[in-house]
C-alpha cells in the first residue's frame, strides 16, 4: 500500500521565505522612516533645509547604509558556503564530520550516474553544466557580495563627497575614495560583526539546543555529535 504524502498550500510550503520577505520589507521601511527623521534632525542642526521621504530614499546617504548591510550579509554566506567545504567544527550542526572535509565523491553528492530520478537535470548531465551547478550557490552569493560591495562603494563615495562639499573641501575621485579611512571603516565595521555571528553560531550549536529547530541538534544528542540537526 502506497502512503501518499500530505499536500499543503502555497503559503504553508513557502512560509519561511514569505515571512522573512515580509519582515525584510517592514524593517527596510522602518529604516527609511527612522533614517529620514535622523537625517532631517541633522539638517536642522546645521541650518539646512529638510528633505522629503522620496528624496531621502533615493539619496546616497540612505543607499550607502542599505548596501553596506547587504554586502556584509552576502559576504558572510559566501565565505561560510566555501569554508564549510574544507573546515570542520566538531560537535557543530553547521559542520560536516571531521574527516569528511572536501568536495566529497560523485556518489555522495549524487552526481552523474549516481543521480536520482528527481535530481536536478544539471546534476545528471556532467561536463561544464554539472561543474557550474555544483558551485552555483557559492557563485551566486559571491556575485551578490561583489555587486552590493560595488554599490556601497559608489554610494559611500557620493555621500563622502557630499560631506566634503558641505565643508567646502575638494571632492575626491572614486579611486581616491577607496583609499580613504571612511570607506574601510564602513567596510570593516560591517564585516567584523558578520564574522563574529557566524563563528558564534558554529560554537554555540555544539553546546546549546533549540527544540524543534533544524539549526539545532536534537535536545538529547551528545555535544560531540557533528552535523546532526533536529
N, C-alpha and C. Protein backbone atom coordinates (compact mmCIF):
# COMPACT_ATOMS: atom_id res chain seq x y z
N UNK A 1 0.85 -1.19 0.00
CA UNK A 1 0.00 0.00 0.00
C UNK A 1 0.89 1.25 0.00
N UNK A 2 0.64 2.12 -0.94
CA UNK A 2 1.44 3.33 -1.06
C UNK A 2 0.90 4.42 -0.15
N UNK A 3 1.78 4.98 0.65
CA UNK A 3 1.38 6.05 1.55
C UNK A 3 1.60 7.39 0.85
N UNK A 4 0.54 8.12 0.67
CA UNK A 4 0.64 9.41 -0.01
C UNK A 4 1.08 10.48 0.98
N UNK A 5 2.05 11.28 0.53
CA UNK A 5 2.49 12.38 1.38
C UNK A 5 1.44 13.47 1.37
N UNK A 6 1.22 14.11 2.52
CA UNK A 6 0.22 15.19 2.58
C UNK A 6 0.65 16.36 1.71
N UNK A 7 -0.33 17.00 1.11
CA UNK A 7 -0.06 18.18 0.29
C UNK A 7 -0.51 19.43 1.03
N UNK A 8 0.27 20.48 0.88
CA UNK A 8 -0.05 21.73 1.55
C UNK A 8 -0.13 22.85 0.53
N UNK A 9 -0.76 23.93 0.91
CA UNK A 9 -0.91 25.06 0.02
C UNK A 9 0.37 25.85 -0.14
N UNK A 10 0.32 26.83 -1.06
CA UNK A 10 1.49 27.62 -1.39
C UNK A 10 2.06 28.33 -0.17
N UNK A 11 1.22 28.94 0.64
CA UNK A 11 1.71 29.73 1.76
C UNK A 11 2.38 28.87 2.83
N UNK A 12 1.83 27.69 3.08
CA UNK A 12 2.46 26.82 4.07
C UNK A 12 3.77 26.27 3.55
N UNK A 13 3.82 25.93 2.27
CA UNK A 13 5.04 25.39 1.68
C UNK A 13 6.16 26.42 1.60
N UNK A 14 5.80 27.69 1.58
CA UNK A 14 6.79 28.76 1.42
C UNK A 14 6.76 29.75 2.57
N UNK A 15 6.30 29.29 3.73
CA UNK A 15 6.10 30.20 4.87
C UNK A 15 7.39 30.89 5.31
N UNK A 16 8.51 30.17 5.31
CA UNK A 16 9.76 30.75 5.80
C UNK A 16 10.20 31.92 4.93
N UNK A 17 10.21 31.71 3.61
CA UNK A 17 10.64 32.78 2.72
C UNK A 17 9.63 33.93 2.71
N UNK A 18 8.34 33.62 2.77
CA UNK A 18 7.33 34.68 2.76
C UNK A 18 7.39 35.54 4.02
N UNK A 19 7.54 34.89 5.16
CA UNK A 19 7.60 35.64 6.43
C UNK A 19 8.84 36.53 6.47
N UNK A 20 9.99 35.96 6.09
CA UNK A 20 11.21 36.76 6.11
C UNK A 20 11.20 37.84 5.03
N UNK A 21 10.54 37.57 3.90
CA UNK A 21 10.39 38.61 2.90
C UNK A 21 9.56 39.77 3.42
N UNK A 22 8.47 39.45 4.13
CA UNK A 22 7.63 40.50 4.71
C UNK A 22 8.38 41.26 5.80
N UNK A 23 9.14 40.53 6.63
CA UNK A 23 9.93 41.19 7.68
C UNK A 23 11.01 42.08 7.07
N UNK A 24 11.60 41.64 5.96
CA UNK A 24 12.60 42.46 5.27
C UNK A 24 11.99 43.77 4.83
N UNK A 25 10.84 43.71 4.17
CA UNK A 25 10.19 44.94 3.68
C UNK A 25 9.79 45.84 4.84
N UNK A 26 9.28 45.25 5.92
CA UNK A 26 8.86 46.05 7.08
C UNK A 26 10.05 46.74 7.73
N UNK A 27 11.16 46.02 7.88
CA UNK A 27 12.32 46.63 8.52
C UNK A 27 13.01 47.64 7.60
N UNK A 28 12.96 47.39 6.28
CA UNK A 28 13.51 48.37 5.34
C UNK A 28 12.70 49.66 5.40
N UNK A 29 11.39 49.53 5.49
CA UNK A 29 10.54 50.71 5.64
C UNK A 29 10.83 51.42 6.95
N UNK A 30 11.00 50.64 8.02
CA UNK A 30 11.33 51.24 9.31
C UNK A 30 12.65 51.98 9.27
N UNK A 31 13.64 51.38 8.58
CA UNK A 31 14.94 52.05 8.45
C UNK A 31 14.80 53.36 7.67
N UNK A 32 13.98 53.36 6.62
CA UNK A 32 13.83 54.56 5.81
C UNK A 32 13.13 55.67 6.59
N UNK A 33 12.12 55.32 7.39
CA UNK A 33 11.39 56.33 8.15
C UNK A 33 12.26 56.90 9.27
N UNK A 34 12.91 56.01 10.04
CA UNK A 34 13.76 56.49 11.13
C UNK A 34 14.99 57.20 10.60
N UNK A 35 15.52 56.69 9.47
CA UNK A 35 16.68 57.34 8.86
C UNK A 35 16.36 58.73 8.38
N UNK A 36 15.15 58.91 7.82
CA UNK A 36 14.73 60.24 7.37
C UNK A 36 14.63 61.21 8.56
N UNK A 37 14.06 60.72 9.65
CA UNK A 37 13.94 61.57 10.83
C UNK A 37 15.31 61.99 11.36
N UNK A 38 16.24 61.05 11.40
CA UNK A 38 17.59 61.36 11.87
C UNK A 38 18.31 62.31 10.92
N UNK A 39 18.15 62.06 9.62
CA UNK A 39 18.80 62.91 8.61
C UNK A 39 18.28 64.34 8.70
N UNK A 40 16.97 64.49 8.83
CA UNK A 40 16.39 65.84 8.91
C UNK A 40 16.76 66.54 10.21
N UNK A 41 16.92 65.76 11.28
CA UNK A 41 17.36 66.36 12.55
C UNK A 41 18.75 66.96 12.39
N UNK A 42 19.61 66.25 11.67
CA UNK A 42 20.96 66.77 11.40
C UNK A 42 20.91 67.99 10.49
N UNK A 43 20.00 67.95 9.50
CA UNK A 43 19.85 69.10 8.60
C UNK A 43 19.45 70.34 9.37
N UNK A 44 18.51 70.20 10.29
CA UNK A 44 18.04 71.33 11.10
C UNK A 44 19.16 71.85 11.99
N UNK A 45 19.92 70.94 12.61
CA UNK A 45 21.00 71.37 13.49
C UNK A 45 22.10 72.12 12.75
N UNK A 46 22.21 71.86 11.44
CA UNK A 46 23.23 72.52 10.63
C UNK A 46 22.67 73.71 9.84
N UNK A 47 21.38 74.02 10.12
CA UNK A 47 20.76 75.16 9.46
C UNK A 47 20.43 74.92 8.00
N UNK A 48 20.23 73.65 7.63
CA UNK A 48 19.94 73.30 6.24
C UNK A 48 18.47 72.90 6.08
N UNK A 49 18.02 72.86 4.84
CA UNK A 49 16.64 72.54 4.54
C UNK A 49 16.37 71.05 4.71
N UNK A 50 15.21 70.71 5.27
CA UNK A 50 14.83 69.31 5.42
C UNK A 50 14.44 68.73 4.05
N UNK A 51 14.49 67.41 3.93
CA UNK A 51 14.15 66.74 2.68
C UNK A 51 12.93 65.86 2.87
N UNK A 52 12.27 65.53 1.77
CA UNK A 52 11.11 64.67 1.81
C UNK A 52 11.50 63.20 1.78
N UNK A 53 10.51 62.32 1.95
CA UNK A 53 10.77 60.88 2.02
C UNK A 53 11.38 60.35 0.71
N UNK A 54 10.80 60.74 -0.42
CA UNK A 54 11.29 60.24 -1.70
C UNK A 54 12.71 60.70 -1.97
N UNK A 55 12.99 61.96 -1.62
CA UNK A 55 14.35 62.47 -1.81
C UNK A 55 15.35 61.70 -0.94
N UNK A 56 14.91 61.35 0.27
CA UNK A 56 15.83 60.66 1.18
C UNK A 56 16.12 59.24 0.71
N UNK A 57 15.07 58.47 0.32
CA UNK A 57 15.29 57.07 -0.03
C UNK A 57 16.02 56.94 -1.38
N UNK A 58 16.13 58.00 -2.14
CA UNK A 58 16.92 57.96 -3.38
C UNK A 58 18.27 58.67 -3.22
N UNK A 59 18.60 59.00 -1.98
CA UNK A 59 19.85 59.71 -1.71
C UNK A 59 20.99 58.72 -1.47
N UNK A 60 22.22 59.22 -1.59
CA UNK A 60 23.39 58.40 -1.32
C UNK A 60 23.49 58.03 0.16
N UNK A 61 22.99 58.89 1.03
CA UNK A 61 23.04 58.61 2.47
C UNK A 61 22.26 57.35 2.82
N UNK A 62 21.06 57.22 2.25
CA UNK A 62 20.25 56.02 2.50
C UNK A 62 20.83 54.81 1.79
N UNK A 63 21.26 55.01 0.54
CA UNK A 63 21.79 53.90 -0.26
C UNK A 63 23.01 53.27 0.38
N UNK A 64 23.91 54.09 0.91
CA UNK A 64 25.14 53.54 1.47
C UNK A 64 24.85 52.73 2.73
N UNK A 65 23.88 53.17 3.54
CA UNK A 65 23.53 52.41 4.74
C UNK A 65 22.94 51.05 4.38
N UNK A 66 22.06 51.03 3.38
CA UNK A 66 21.43 49.77 2.97
C UNK A 66 22.44 48.83 2.33
N UNK A 67 23.23 49.33 1.39
CA UNK A 67 24.17 48.49 0.67
C UNK A 67 25.27 47.93 1.57
N UNK A 68 25.69 48.71 2.56
CA UNK A 68 26.72 48.22 3.48
C UNK A 68 26.22 46.99 4.23
N UNK A 69 24.97 47.01 4.65
CA UNK A 69 24.42 45.87 5.36
C UNK A 69 24.23 44.67 4.44
N UNK A 70 23.74 44.91 3.24
CA UNK A 70 23.52 43.81 2.32
C UNK A 70 24.83 43.13 1.95
N UNK A 71 25.86 43.91 1.64
CA UNK A 71 27.11 43.28 1.20
C UNK A 71 27.77 42.51 2.33
N UNK A 72 27.61 42.95 3.57
CA UNK A 72 28.21 42.19 4.67
C UNK A 72 27.49 40.86 4.88
N UNK A 73 26.16 40.84 4.66
CA UNK A 73 25.42 39.59 4.80
C UNK A 73 25.81 38.60 3.70
N UNK A 74 25.92 39.08 2.47
CA UNK A 74 26.31 38.17 1.38
C UNK A 74 27.76 37.72 1.54
N UNK A 75 28.62 38.55 2.09
CA UNK A 75 29.99 38.13 2.38
C UNK A 75 29.98 36.99 3.39
N UNK A 76 29.14 37.11 4.40
CA UNK A 76 29.03 36.08 5.42
C UNK A 76 28.67 34.73 4.80
N UNK A 77 27.63 34.71 3.99
CA UNK A 77 27.18 33.44 3.41
C UNK A 77 28.16 32.92 2.37
N UNK A 78 28.75 33.83 1.59
CA UNK A 78 29.74 33.41 0.59
C UNK A 78 30.92 32.70 1.26
N UNK A 79 31.48 33.30 2.29
CA UNK A 79 32.61 32.70 2.99
C UNK A 79 32.21 31.40 3.69
N UNK A 80 31.01 31.39 4.27
CA UNK A 80 30.59 30.22 5.03
C UNK A 80 30.35 29.03 4.12
N UNK A 81 29.74 29.28 2.95
CA UNK A 81 29.49 28.20 1.99
C UNK A 81 30.80 27.52 1.60
N UNK A 82 31.83 28.31 1.33
CA UNK A 82 33.11 27.73 0.91
C UNK A 82 33.92 27.19 2.10
N UNK A 83 33.87 27.89 3.22
CA UNK A 83 34.66 27.45 4.38
C UNK A 83 34.21 26.09 4.89
N UNK A 84 32.88 25.83 4.86
CA UNK A 84 32.37 24.57 5.40
C UNK A 84 32.65 23.39 4.48
N UNK A 85 33.16 23.64 3.28
CA UNK A 85 33.61 22.54 2.42
C UNK A 85 34.89 21.93 3.00
N UNK A 86 35.76 22.77 3.51
CA UNK A 86 37.11 22.34 3.90
C UNK A 86 37.38 22.40 5.40
N UNK A 87 36.60 23.16 6.15
CA UNK A 87 36.85 23.32 7.59
C UNK A 87 35.71 22.71 8.38
N UNK A 88 36.05 22.13 9.54
CA UNK A 88 35.04 21.49 10.38
C UNK A 88 35.10 22.06 11.79
N UNK A 89 33.99 21.88 12.51
CA UNK A 89 33.91 22.22 13.93
C UNK A 89 33.23 21.05 14.61
N UNK A 90 33.98 20.23 15.29
CA UNK A 90 33.43 19.02 15.90
C UNK A 90 32.29 19.36 16.85
N UNK A 91 31.17 18.68 16.66
CA UNK A 91 30.01 18.87 17.52
C UNK A 91 29.03 19.90 17.01
N UNK A 92 29.37 20.64 15.97
CA UNK A 92 28.51 21.71 15.49
C UNK A 92 27.52 21.21 14.44
N UNK A 93 26.29 21.72 14.48
CA UNK A 93 25.31 21.40 13.43
C UNK A 93 25.70 22.05 12.11
N UNK A 94 26.56 23.07 12.17
CA UNK A 94 26.94 23.82 10.98
C UNK A 94 28.14 23.20 10.27
N UNK A 95 28.55 22.02 10.68
CA UNK A 95 29.78 21.43 10.16
C UNK A 95 29.57 19.99 9.74
N UNK A 96 30.43 19.53 8.80
CA UNK A 96 30.50 18.10 8.49
C UNK A 96 31.34 17.41 9.55
N UNK A 97 31.29 16.09 9.56
CA UNK A 97 32.09 15.32 10.50
C UNK A 97 33.58 15.48 10.17
N UNK A 98 34.45 15.56 11.18
CA UNK A 98 35.89 15.56 10.92
C UNK A 98 36.27 14.35 10.08
N UNK A 99 37.11 14.57 9.08
CA UNK A 99 37.49 13.51 8.16
C UNK A 99 36.70 13.54 6.86
N UNK A 100 35.63 14.34 6.82
CA UNK A 100 34.81 14.44 5.61
C UNK A 100 35.06 15.75 4.86
N UNK A 101 36.17 16.41 5.18
CA UNK A 101 36.48 17.66 4.50
C UNK A 101 36.62 17.43 2.99
N UNK A 102 36.31 18.46 2.23
CA UNK A 102 36.48 18.36 0.79
C UNK A 102 35.17 18.31 0.03
N UNK A 103 35.27 18.13 -1.28
CA UNK A 103 34.09 18.20 -2.16
C UNK A 103 33.24 16.94 -2.14
N UNK A 104 33.74 15.86 -1.57
CA UNK A 104 33.05 14.57 -1.49
C UNK A 104 32.96 13.91 -2.86
N UNK A 105 32.67 12.64 -2.86
CA UNK A 105 32.64 11.86 -4.10
C UNK A 105 31.36 12.11 -4.88
N UNK A 106 31.39 11.73 -6.17
CA UNK A 106 30.19 11.85 -7.00
C UNK A 106 29.04 11.02 -6.43
N UNK A 107 29.37 9.89 -5.82
CA UNK A 107 28.33 9.05 -5.23
C UNK A 107 27.69 9.74 -4.04
N UNK A 108 28.52 10.33 -3.17
CA UNK A 108 27.99 11.03 -2.00
C UNK A 108 27.13 12.22 -2.41
N UNK A 109 27.54 12.89 -3.48
CA UNK A 109 26.82 14.08 -3.94
C UNK A 109 25.73 13.77 -4.96
N UNK A 110 25.56 12.50 -5.30
CA UNK A 110 24.52 12.06 -6.24
C UNK A 110 24.65 12.77 -7.59
N UNK A 111 25.84 12.67 -8.15
CA UNK A 111 26.13 13.31 -9.44
C UNK A 111 26.24 12.27 -10.54
N UNK A 112 25.93 12.68 -11.77
CA UNK A 112 26.10 11.80 -12.92
C UNK A 112 25.30 10.52 -12.80
N UNK A 113 25.97 9.39 -12.91
CA UNK A 113 25.28 8.09 -12.87
C UNK A 113 24.74 7.75 -11.49
N UNK A 114 25.15 8.51 -10.48
CA UNK A 114 24.65 8.28 -9.13
C UNK A 114 23.43 9.14 -8.80
N UNK A 115 23.01 9.98 -9.76
CA UNK A 115 21.88 10.88 -9.52
C UNK A 115 20.57 10.10 -9.43
N UNK A 116 19.61 10.67 -8.70
CA UNK A 116 18.28 10.07 -8.60
C UNK A 116 17.42 10.52 -9.78
N UNK A 117 16.26 9.90 -9.92
CA UNK A 117 15.35 10.26 -11.00
C UNK A 117 14.88 11.70 -10.89
N UNK A 118 14.71 12.18 -9.66
CA UNK A 118 14.22 13.54 -9.47
C UNK A 118 15.35 14.53 -9.18
N UNK A 119 16.59 14.13 -9.40
CA UNK A 119 17.72 15.05 -9.21
C UNK A 119 17.64 16.17 -10.24
N UNK A 120 18.17 17.37 -9.92
CA UNK A 120 18.21 18.45 -10.91
C UNK A 120 18.91 17.98 -12.18
N UNK A 121 18.42 18.43 -13.34
CA UNK A 121 18.94 17.97 -14.62
C UNK A 121 20.43 18.19 -14.74
N UNK A 122 20.90 19.35 -14.29
CA UNK A 122 22.32 19.67 -14.44
C UNK A 122 23.19 18.83 -13.50
N UNK A 123 22.60 18.16 -12.53
CA UNK A 123 23.37 17.24 -11.68
C UNK A 123 23.57 15.90 -12.37
N UNK A 124 22.82 15.66 -13.45
CA UNK A 124 22.89 14.38 -14.15
C UNK A 124 23.69 14.44 -15.45
N UNK A 125 23.80 15.63 -16.05
CA UNK A 125 24.33 15.69 -17.41
C UNK A 125 25.85 15.67 -17.51
N UNK A 126 26.56 16.04 -16.45
CA UNK A 126 28.01 16.05 -16.48
C UNK A 126 28.58 17.26 -17.19
N UNK A 127 29.90 17.31 -17.31
CA UNK A 127 30.57 18.38 -18.03
C UNK A 127 30.49 19.74 -17.34
N UNK A 128 30.53 20.79 -18.16
CA UNK A 128 30.56 22.16 -17.65
C UNK A 128 29.33 22.50 -16.83
N UNK A 129 28.16 22.02 -17.30
CA UNK A 129 26.92 22.35 -16.59
C UNK A 129 26.90 21.75 -15.18
N UNK A 130 27.38 20.53 -15.05
CA UNK A 130 27.44 19.93 -13.71
C UNK A 130 28.44 20.68 -12.82
N UNK A 131 29.60 21.02 -13.39
CA UNK A 131 30.61 21.74 -12.61
C UNK A 131 30.08 23.09 -12.16
N UNK A 132 29.35 23.78 -13.04
CA UNK A 132 28.78 25.08 -12.69
C UNK A 132 27.70 24.95 -11.63
N UNK A 133 26.80 23.99 -11.83
CA UNK A 133 25.71 23.79 -10.88
C UNK A 133 26.24 23.36 -9.52
N UNK A 134 27.34 22.60 -9.51
CA UNK A 134 27.94 22.13 -8.26
C UNK A 134 28.49 23.27 -7.42
N UNK A 135 28.71 24.41 -8.04
CA UNK A 135 29.27 25.57 -7.34
C UNK A 135 28.35 26.78 -7.40
N UNK A 136 27.12 26.57 -7.82
CA UNK A 136 26.22 27.69 -8.11
C UNK A 136 25.85 28.52 -6.88
N UNK A 137 25.69 27.87 -5.72
CA UNK A 137 25.32 28.62 -4.52
C UNK A 137 26.42 29.60 -4.13
N UNK A 138 27.66 29.12 -4.09
CA UNK A 138 28.77 30.00 -3.75
C UNK A 138 28.99 31.08 -4.78
N UNK A 139 28.80 30.73 -6.07
CA UNK A 139 28.99 31.72 -7.13
C UNK A 139 27.96 32.83 -7.02
N UNK A 140 26.70 32.47 -6.78
CA UNK A 140 25.65 33.49 -6.66
C UNK A 140 25.89 34.37 -5.44
N UNK A 141 26.22 33.76 -4.30
CA UNK A 141 26.48 34.55 -3.10
C UNK A 141 27.68 35.46 -3.29
N UNK A 142 28.74 34.96 -3.93
CA UNK A 142 29.91 35.79 -4.19
C UNK A 142 29.61 36.92 -5.15
N UNK A 143 28.78 36.64 -6.17
CA UNK A 143 28.39 37.68 -7.12
C UNK A 143 27.57 38.77 -6.45
N UNK A 144 26.62 38.36 -5.63
CA UNK A 144 25.81 39.36 -4.91
C UNK A 144 26.67 40.19 -3.97
N UNK A 145 27.66 39.54 -3.34
CA UNK A 145 28.56 40.31 -2.48
C UNK A 145 29.32 41.37 -3.28
N UNK A 146 29.88 40.98 -4.42
CA UNK A 146 30.64 41.92 -5.23
C UNK A 146 29.76 43.06 -5.74
N UNK A 147 28.53 42.73 -6.15
CA UNK A 147 27.63 43.76 -6.66
C UNK A 147 27.22 44.74 -5.56
N UNK A 148 26.87 44.21 -4.39
CA UNK A 148 26.46 45.10 -3.29
C UNK A 148 27.66 45.86 -2.72
N UNK A 149 28.85 45.22 -2.76
CA UNK A 149 30.06 45.94 -2.32
C UNK A 149 30.34 47.10 -3.26
N UNK A 150 30.21 46.88 -4.56
CA UNK A 150 30.42 47.95 -5.54
C UNK A 150 29.39 49.06 -5.35
N UNK A 151 28.13 48.67 -5.13
CA UNK A 151 27.08 49.66 -4.93
C UNK A 151 27.32 50.47 -3.66
N UNK A 152 27.75 49.81 -2.59
CA UNK A 152 28.03 50.53 -1.35
C UNK A 152 29.22 51.46 -1.50
N UNK A 153 30.21 51.04 -2.32
CA UNK A 153 31.37 51.89 -2.55
C UNK A 153 30.98 53.15 -3.31
N UNK A 154 30.15 53.00 -4.34
CA UNK A 154 29.71 54.15 -5.13
C UNK A 154 28.85 55.08 -4.28
N UNK A 155 27.90 54.50 -3.52
CA UNK A 155 27.04 55.32 -2.67
C UNK A 155 27.86 56.00 -1.57
N UNK A 156 28.82 55.28 -1.00
CA UNK A 156 29.68 55.88 0.02
C UNK A 156 30.52 57.01 -0.53
N UNK A 157 30.99 56.83 -1.75
CA UNK A 157 31.77 57.88 -2.42
C UNK A 157 30.93 59.14 -2.61
N UNK A 158 29.68 58.95 -3.07
CA UNK A 158 28.79 60.10 -3.26
C UNK A 158 28.49 60.80 -1.94
N UNK A 159 28.23 60.01 -0.89
CA UNK A 159 27.95 60.60 0.42
C UNK A 159 29.17 61.32 0.97
N UNK A 160 30.34 60.72 0.79
CA UNK A 160 31.59 61.32 1.26
C UNK A 160 31.84 62.66 0.58
N UNK A 161 31.66 62.70 -0.74
CA UNK A 161 31.87 63.95 -1.47
C UNK A 161 30.82 64.99 -1.12
N UNK A 162 29.62 64.53 -0.77
CA UNK A 162 28.61 65.47 -0.31
C UNK A 162 29.05 66.16 0.98
N UNK A 163 29.63 65.39 1.88
CA UNK A 163 30.16 65.96 3.12
C UNK A 163 31.34 66.88 2.84
N UNK A 164 32.18 66.47 1.90
CA UNK A 164 33.33 67.30 1.53
C UNK A 164 32.89 68.67 1.02
N UNK A 165 31.92 68.68 0.13
CA UNK A 165 31.42 69.94 -0.43
C UNK A 165 30.73 70.77 0.64
N UNK A 166 30.02 70.10 1.55
CA UNK A 166 29.36 70.82 2.64
C UNK A 166 30.35 71.51 3.55
N UNK A 167 31.54 70.94 3.65
CA UNK A 167 32.60 71.52 4.48
C UNK A 167 33.56 72.37 3.65
N UNK A 168 33.17 72.63 2.40
CA UNK A 168 33.96 73.46 1.48
C UNK A 168 35.37 72.88 1.25
N UNK A 169 35.37 71.55 1.10
CA UNK A 169 36.62 70.86 0.77
C UNK A 169 36.48 70.20 -0.59
N UNK A 170 37.60 69.91 -1.22
CA UNK A 170 37.58 69.34 -2.56
C UNK A 170 37.06 67.91 -2.53
N UNK A 171 36.18 67.53 -3.49
CA UNK A 171 35.75 66.13 -3.60
C UNK A 171 36.90 65.25 -4.06
N UNK A 172 36.75 63.95 -3.86
CA UNK A 172 37.79 63.01 -4.26
C UNK A 172 37.27 62.13 -5.39
N UNK A 173 38.18 61.55 -6.15
CA UNK A 173 37.79 60.60 -7.19
C UNK A 173 37.35 59.28 -6.55
N UNK A 174 36.72 58.42 -7.35
CA UNK A 174 36.29 57.12 -6.82
C UNK A 174 37.47 56.31 -6.34
N UNK A 175 38.53 56.27 -7.13
CA UNK A 175 39.74 55.54 -6.74
C UNK A 175 40.33 56.16 -5.47
N UNK A 176 40.30 57.48 -5.40
CA UNK A 176 40.79 58.15 -4.20
C UNK A 176 39.97 57.80 -2.98
N UNK A 177 38.64 57.65 -3.17
CA UNK A 177 37.77 57.29 -2.04
C UNK A 177 38.09 55.90 -1.51
N UNK A 178 38.47 54.98 -2.41
CA UNK A 178 38.80 53.62 -1.97
C UNK A 178 40.01 53.58 -1.05
N UNK A 179 40.78 54.64 -1.04
CA UNK A 179 41.92 54.73 -0.15
C UNK A 179 41.63 55.53 1.11
N UNK A 180 40.40 56.05 1.24
CA UNK A 180 40.02 56.85 2.40
C UNK A 180 39.69 55.96 3.60
N UNK A 181 39.98 56.45 4.79
CA UNK A 181 39.65 55.71 6.01
C UNK A 181 38.14 55.52 6.15
N UNK A 182 37.35 56.48 5.64
CA UNK A 182 35.89 56.39 5.73
C UNK A 182 35.39 55.11 5.07
N UNK A 183 35.93 54.80 3.89
CA UNK A 183 35.49 53.60 3.16
C UNK A 183 35.83 52.33 3.93
N UNK A 184 37.06 52.21 4.40
CA UNK A 184 37.47 50.99 5.08
C UNK A 184 36.86 50.87 6.46
N UNK A 185 36.61 51.99 7.11
CA UNK A 185 35.93 51.95 8.41
C UNK A 185 34.52 51.41 8.24
N UNK A 186 33.81 51.88 7.21
CA UNK A 186 32.47 51.39 6.94
C UNK A 186 32.48 49.89 6.63
N UNK A 187 33.44 49.46 5.82
CA UNK A 187 33.51 48.05 5.41
C UNK A 187 33.83 47.14 6.58
N UNK A 188 34.90 47.43 7.30
CA UNK A 188 35.31 46.55 8.41
C UNK A 188 34.29 46.56 9.54
N UNK A 189 33.59 47.68 9.71
CA UNK A 189 32.58 47.76 10.75
C UNK A 189 31.48 46.73 10.52
N UNK A 190 31.11 46.52 9.27
CA UNK A 190 30.09 45.54 8.95
C UNK A 190 30.65 44.12 8.89
N UNK A 191 31.83 43.96 8.31
CA UNK A 191 32.38 42.62 8.15
C UNK A 191 32.68 41.94 9.47
N UNK A 192 33.25 42.68 10.43
CA UNK A 192 33.64 42.05 11.69
C UNK A 192 32.43 41.49 12.44
N UNK A 193 31.29 42.18 12.34
CA UNK A 193 30.10 41.70 13.04
C UNK A 193 29.60 40.39 12.44
N UNK A 194 29.73 40.24 11.12
CA UNK A 194 29.30 39.00 10.47
C UNK A 194 30.21 37.84 10.84
N UNK A 195 31.52 38.08 10.90
CA UNK A 195 32.45 37.02 11.27
C UNK A 195 32.18 36.55 12.71
N UNK A 196 31.86 37.50 13.59
CA UNK A 196 31.54 37.15 14.97
C UNK A 196 30.28 36.32 15.04
N UNK A 197 29.25 36.70 14.28
CA UNK A 197 27.97 35.99 14.33
C UNK A 197 28.11 34.56 13.81
N UNK A 198 28.82 34.38 12.70
CA UNK A 198 28.99 33.05 12.12
C UNK A 198 29.81 32.15 13.06
N UNK A 199 30.91 32.67 13.55
CA UNK A 199 31.75 31.89 14.47
C UNK A 199 31.01 31.52 15.74
N UNK A 200 30.21 32.45 16.25
CA UNK A 200 29.44 32.18 17.47
C UNK A 200 28.42 31.08 17.24
N UNK A 201 27.73 31.13 16.09
CA UNK A 201 26.72 30.12 15.79
C UNK A 201 27.34 28.74 15.68
N UNK A 202 28.50 28.65 15.05
CA UNK A 202 29.18 27.36 14.89
C UNK A 202 29.53 26.75 16.25
N UNK A 203 29.97 27.59 17.19
CA UNK A 203 30.37 27.09 18.51
C UNK A 203 29.16 26.87 19.41
N UNK A 204 28.22 27.81 19.42
CA UNK A 204 27.06 27.67 20.31
C UNK A 204 26.22 26.45 19.98
N UNK A 205 26.17 26.07 18.67
CA UNK A 205 25.36 24.92 18.29
C UNK A 205 25.96 23.61 18.78
N UNK A 206 27.20 23.64 19.26
CA UNK A 206 27.80 22.44 19.86
C UNK A 206 27.17 22.17 21.22
N UNK A 207 26.98 23.21 22.01
CA UNK A 207 26.60 23.04 23.43
C UNK A 207 25.17 23.47 23.76
N UNK A 208 24.54 24.22 22.88
CA UNK A 208 23.19 24.72 23.16
C UNK A 208 22.18 24.10 22.20
N UNK A 209 20.90 24.10 22.60
CA UNK A 209 19.85 23.48 21.81
C UNK A 209 18.65 24.42 21.66
N UNK A 210 17.91 24.22 20.57
CA UNK A 210 16.62 24.87 20.39
C UNK A 210 15.66 23.82 19.87
N UNK A 211 14.81 23.35 20.75
CA UNK A 211 13.94 22.21 20.42
C UNK A 211 13.09 22.51 19.18
N UNK A 212 13.14 21.56 18.22
CA UNK A 212 12.33 21.67 17.01
C UNK A 212 12.97 22.44 15.88
N UNK A 213 14.10 23.09 16.10
CA UNK A 213 14.73 23.87 15.05
C UNK A 213 15.73 23.03 14.26
N UNK A 214 15.72 23.11 12.92
CA UNK A 214 16.72 22.39 12.13
C UNK A 214 18.11 23.00 12.25
N UNK A 215 18.21 24.15 12.89
CA UNK A 215 19.51 24.77 13.14
C UNK A 215 20.14 24.26 14.43
N UNK A 216 19.44 23.38 15.12
CA UNK A 216 19.93 22.83 16.38
C UNK A 216 19.93 21.31 16.33
N UNK A 217 20.81 20.68 17.09
CA UNK A 217 20.76 19.23 17.26
C UNK A 217 19.54 18.88 18.13
N UNK A 218 19.04 17.64 18.03
CA UNK A 218 18.01 17.21 18.96
C UNK A 218 18.50 17.43 20.40
N UNK A 219 17.60 17.78 21.27
CA UNK A 219 17.97 18.19 22.63
C UNK A 219 18.81 17.16 23.35
N UNK A 220 18.51 15.88 23.15
CA UNK A 220 19.21 14.84 23.90
C UNK A 220 20.47 14.31 23.25
N UNK A 221 20.87 14.84 22.11
CA UNK A 221 22.06 14.35 21.43
C UNK A 221 23.34 14.87 22.11
N UNK A 222 24.36 14.03 22.16
CA UNK A 222 25.61 14.40 22.82
C UNK A 222 26.28 15.59 22.15
N UNK A 223 27.02 16.36 22.93
CA UNK A 223 27.70 17.54 22.40
C UNK A 223 28.66 17.20 21.25
N UNK A 224 29.29 16.03 21.30
CA UNK A 224 30.31 15.68 20.33
C UNK A 224 29.75 15.29 18.97
N UNK A 225 28.43 15.03 18.88
CA UNK A 225 27.82 14.64 17.61
C UNK A 225 27.85 15.82 16.65
N UNK A 226 28.34 15.59 15.44
CA UNK A 226 28.56 16.67 14.49
C UNK A 226 27.61 16.55 13.29
N UNK A 227 27.07 17.69 12.86
CA UNK A 227 26.30 17.74 11.62
C UNK A 227 24.88 17.24 11.70
N UNK A 228 24.42 16.81 12.86
CA UNK A 228 23.06 16.29 13.00
C UNK A 228 22.13 17.40 13.42
N UNK A 229 20.97 17.49 12.79
CA UNK A 229 20.00 18.54 13.12
C UNK A 229 18.70 17.95 13.62
N UNK A 230 17.93 18.77 14.35
CA UNK A 230 16.67 18.31 14.91
C UNK A 230 15.52 18.33 13.92
